[in-house]
Amino acid sequence: MEDKIKAAIEVIRPALQRDGGDIEFVEYTEDKIVKVRLKGQCSGCPSAQQTLQGLVFKILKESYPEIEGVQGV
């Protein structure tokens, strides 16, 4: 599953890079939570949580319905 999630994150990455940010996969937990690290301009951005839920989680959930959530670390 981790390889599938990493591949999906590669699809998401260009959208974040256009705004000077980036995303890094950290882990997929037993609770079906994807942990990621937002980097660059996305790190500490007031819209970071919105990016995680509105973009990252939405795309991952559409591809892999078993995912329960996305968490920034």
N, C-alpha and C. Protein backbone atom coordinates (compact mmCIF):
# COMPACT_ATOMS: atom_id res chain seq x y z
N MET A 1 0.82 -1.20 0.00
CA MET A 1 0.00 0.00 0.00
C MET A 1 0.87 1.26 0.00
N GLU A 2 1.99 1.21 0.72
CA GLU A 2 2.85 2.39 0.79
C GLU A 2 3.33 2.81 -0.60
N ASP A 3 3.66 1.84 -1.45
CA ASP A 3 4.12 2.18 -2.80
C ASP A 3 3.01 2.87 -3.60
N LYS A 4 1.78 2.42 -3.43
CA LYS A 4 0.65 3.04 -4.12
C LYS A 4 0.44 4.47 -3.64
N ILE A 5 0.55 4.67 -2.33
CA ILE A 5 0.39 6.01 -1.76
C ILE A 5 1.50 6.93 -2.26
N LYS A 6 2.72 6.42 -2.27
CA LYS A 6 3.85 7.23 -2.76
C LYS A 6 3.64 7.62 -4.22
N ALA A 7 3.12 6.71 -5.02
CA ALA A 7 2.86 7.02 -6.43
C ALA A 7 1.79 8.11 -6.56
N ALA A 8 0.76 8.04 -5.73
CA ALA A 8 -0.29 9.06 -5.76
C ALA A 8 0.26 10.41 -5.32
N ILE A 9 1.15 10.41 -4.34
CA ILE A 9 1.76 11.66 -3.87
C ILE A 9 2.59 12.29 -4.98
N GLU A 10 3.21 11.47 -5.82
CA GLU A 10 3.98 12.01 -6.95
C GLU A 10 3.07 12.76 -7.92
N VAL A 11 1.81 12.36 -8.00
CA VAL A 11 0.84 13.06 -8.86
C VAL A 11 0.45 14.39 -8.23
N ILE A 12 0.36 14.43 -6.90
CA ILE A 12 -0.03 15.63 -6.16
C ILE A 12 1.11 16.65 -6.12
N ARG A 13 2.33 16.16 -6.04
CA ARG A 13 3.52 17.00 -5.83
C ARG A 13 3.62 18.21 -6.76
N PRO A 14 3.42 18.10 -8.07
CA PRO A 14 3.56 19.28 -8.95
C PRO A 14 2.65 20.44 -8.57
N ALA A 15 1.44 20.15 -8.10
CA ALA A 15 0.53 21.23 -7.70
C ALA A 15 1.11 22.02 -6.53
N LEU A 16 1.74 21.34 -5.60
CA LEU A 16 2.35 22.01 -4.45
C LEU A 16 3.62 22.74 -4.86
N GLN A 17 4.39 22.13 -5.75
CA GLN A 17 5.64 22.74 -6.18
C GLN A 17 5.40 24.04 -6.95
N ARG A 18 4.28 24.15 -7.63
CA ARG A 18 3.96 25.40 -8.35
C ARG A 18 3.85 26.58 -7.40
N ASP A 19 3.48 26.29 -6.15
CA ASP A 19 3.35 27.34 -5.14
C ASP A 19 4.57 27.41 -4.22
N GLY A 20 5.65 26.74 -4.61
CA GLY A 20 6.88 26.79 -3.82
C GLY A 20 6.92 25.80 -2.67
N GLY A 21 6.00 24.85 -2.66
CA GLY A 21 5.96 23.86 -1.59
C GLY A 21 6.35 22.48 -2.08
N ASP A 22 6.20 21.52 -1.20
CA ASP A 22 6.48 20.13 -1.54
C ASP A 22 5.82 19.25 -0.49
N ILE A 23 5.80 17.96 -0.76
CA ILE A 23 5.20 16.99 0.16
C ILE A 23 6.08 15.76 0.21
N GLU A 24 6.18 15.18 1.39
CA GLU A 24 6.99 13.99 1.60
C GLU A 24 6.15 12.95 2.35
N PHE A 25 6.12 11.73 1.84
CA PHE A 25 5.44 10.63 2.52
C PHE A 25 6.25 10.25 3.75
N VAL A 26 5.59 10.08 4.89
CA VAL A 26 6.27 9.68 6.13
C VAL A 26 5.91 8.24 6.48
N GLU A 27 4.60 7.95 6.61
CA GLU A 27 4.20 6.57 6.91
C GLU A 27 2.72 6.36 6.68
N TYR A 28 2.34 5.10 6.58
CA TYR A 28 0.94 4.67 6.53
C TYR A 28 0.72 3.83 7.77
N THR A 29 -0.14 4.29 8.67
CA THR A 29 -0.29 3.64 9.97
C THR A 29 -1.28 2.48 9.93
N GLU A 30 -1.27 1.68 10.99
CA GLU A 30 -2.22 0.58 11.13
C GLU A 30 -3.65 1.09 11.18
N ASP A 31 -3.83 2.33 11.61
CA ASP A 31 -5.15 2.96 11.67
C ASP A 31 -5.59 3.52 10.32
N LYS A 32 -4.80 3.23 9.27
CA LYS A 32 -5.10 3.66 7.90
C LYS A 32 -5.03 5.17 7.74
N ILE A 33 -4.08 5.78 8.46
CA ILE A 33 -3.82 7.21 8.36
C ILE A 33 -2.52 7.39 7.58
N VAL A 34 -2.54 8.28 6.59
CA VAL A 34 -1.34 8.60 5.83
C VAL A 34 -0.70 9.82 6.49
N LYS A 35 0.55 9.67 6.89
CA LYS A 35 1.28 10.78 7.49
C LYS A 35 2.23 11.34 6.45
N VAL A 36 2.17 12.66 6.28
CA VAL A 36 3.01 13.35 5.30
C VAL A 36 3.63 14.57 5.94
N ARG A 37 4.68 15.05 5.34
CA ARG A 37 5.34 16.28 5.78
C ARG A 37 5.24 17.28 4.64
N LEU A 38 4.63 18.43 4.92
CA LEU A 38 4.61 19.52 3.95
C LEU A 38 5.89 20.31 4.11
N LYS A 39 6.49 20.67 2.98
CA LYS A 39 7.80 21.34 3.01
C LYS A 39 7.75 22.62 2.19
N GLY A 40 8.82 23.38 2.27
CA GLY A 40 8.92 24.62 1.52
C GLY A 40 7.88 25.62 1.98
N GLN A 41 7.26 26.30 1.02
CA GLN A 41 6.24 27.31 1.35
C GLN A 41 5.01 26.71 2.02
N CYS A 42 4.82 25.41 1.86
CA CYS A 42 3.65 24.75 2.49
C CYS A 42 3.86 24.53 3.98
N SER A 43 5.11 24.49 4.40
CA SER A 43 5.41 24.27 5.82
C SER A 43 5.03 25.51 6.61
N GLY A 44 4.13 25.36 7.54
CA GLY A 44 3.70 26.49 8.36
C GLY A 44 2.72 27.43 7.69
N CYS A 45 2.30 27.11 6.49
CA CYS A 45 1.34 27.94 5.77
C CYS A 45 -0.02 27.88 6.47
N PRO A 46 -0.72 29.02 6.57
CA PRO A 46 -2.04 29.01 7.19
C PRO A 46 -3.04 28.08 6.48
N SER A 47 -2.79 27.80 5.21
CA SER A 47 -3.69 26.94 4.44
C SER A 47 -3.24 25.48 4.41
N ALA A 48 -2.24 25.13 5.20
CA ALA A 48 -1.68 23.77 5.16
C ALA A 48 -2.74 22.71 5.46
N GLN A 49 -3.56 22.93 6.48
CA GLN A 49 -4.59 21.95 6.83
C GLN A 49 -5.61 21.81 5.71
N GLN A 50 -5.95 22.92 5.10
CA GLN A 50 -6.88 22.89 3.97
C GLN A 50 -6.27 22.11 2.80
N THR A 51 -4.99 22.30 2.57
CA THR A 51 -4.29 21.57 1.51
C THR A 51 -4.32 20.08 1.80
N LEU A 52 -4.05 19.71 3.04
CA LEU A 52 -4.05 18.29 3.41
C LEU A 52 -5.42 17.66 3.20
N GLN A 53 -6.46 18.32 3.65
CA GLN A 53 -7.80 17.73 3.57
C GLN A 53 -8.45 17.93 2.20
N GLY A 54 -8.30 19.12 1.64
CA GLY A 54 -8.98 19.44 0.40
C GLY A 54 -8.32 18.91 -0.85
N LEU A 55 -7.03 18.69 -0.79
CA LEU A 55 -6.31 18.21 -1.97
C LEU A 55 -5.76 16.81 -1.73
N VAL A 56 -4.87 16.69 -0.77
CA VAL A 56 -4.15 15.43 -0.55
C VAL A 56 -5.12 14.30 -0.17
N PHE A 57 -5.92 14.52 0.87
CA PHE A 57 -6.83 13.47 1.32
C PHE A 57 -7.86 13.14 0.24
N LYS A 58 -8.39 14.15 -0.40
CA LYS A 58 -9.41 13.92 -1.43
C LYS A 58 -8.87 13.02 -2.54
N ILE A 59 -7.68 13.32 -3.03
CA ILE A 59 -7.10 12.52 -4.11
C ILE A 59 -6.78 11.11 -3.64
N LEU A 60 -6.16 10.99 -2.46
CA LEU A 60 -5.83 9.66 -1.95
C LEU A 60 -7.09 8.84 -1.69
N LYS A 61 -8.11 9.44 -1.11
CA LYS A 61 -9.35 8.73 -0.78
C LYS A 61 -10.07 8.26 -2.03
N GLU A 62 -10.03 9.07 -3.09
CA GLU A 62 -10.66 8.66 -4.35
C GLU A 62 -9.99 7.42 -4.92
N SER A 63 -8.67 7.36 -4.80
CA SER A 63 -7.92 6.23 -5.34
C SER A 63 -7.94 5.02 -4.41
N TYR A 64 -7.92 5.28 -3.11
CA TYR A 64 -7.82 4.22 -2.11
C TYR A 64 -8.83 4.47 -0.99
N PRO A 65 -10.07 4.03 -1.18
CA PRO A 65 -11.15 4.32 -0.23
C PRO A 65 -10.89 3.83 1.20
N GLU A 66 -9.98 2.88 1.35
CA GLU A 66 -9.70 2.36 2.69
C GLU A 66 -8.94 3.35 3.57
N ILE A 67 -8.33 4.36 2.97
CA ILE A 67 -7.61 5.37 3.75
C ILE A 67 -8.61 6.16 4.59
N GLU A 68 -8.30 6.30 5.88
CA GLU A 68 -9.20 6.97 6.81
C GLU A 68 -8.87 8.45 7.02
N GLY A 69 -7.64 8.85 6.71
CA GLY A 69 -7.28 10.24 6.92
C GLY A 69 -5.86 10.54 6.51
N VAL A 70 -5.55 11.83 6.51
CA VAL A 70 -4.20 12.32 6.21
C VAL A 70 -3.81 13.24 7.35
N GLN A 71 -2.59 13.10 7.81
CA GLN A 71 -2.11 13.90 8.94
C GLN A 71 -0.75 14.49 8.59
N GLY A 72 -0.59 15.78 8.83
CA GLY A 72 0.70 16.42 8.67
C GLY A 72 1.55 16.20 9.91
N VAL A 73 2.83 16.01 9.71
CA VAL A 73 3.75 15.84 10.84
C VAL A 73 4.87 16.86 10.77
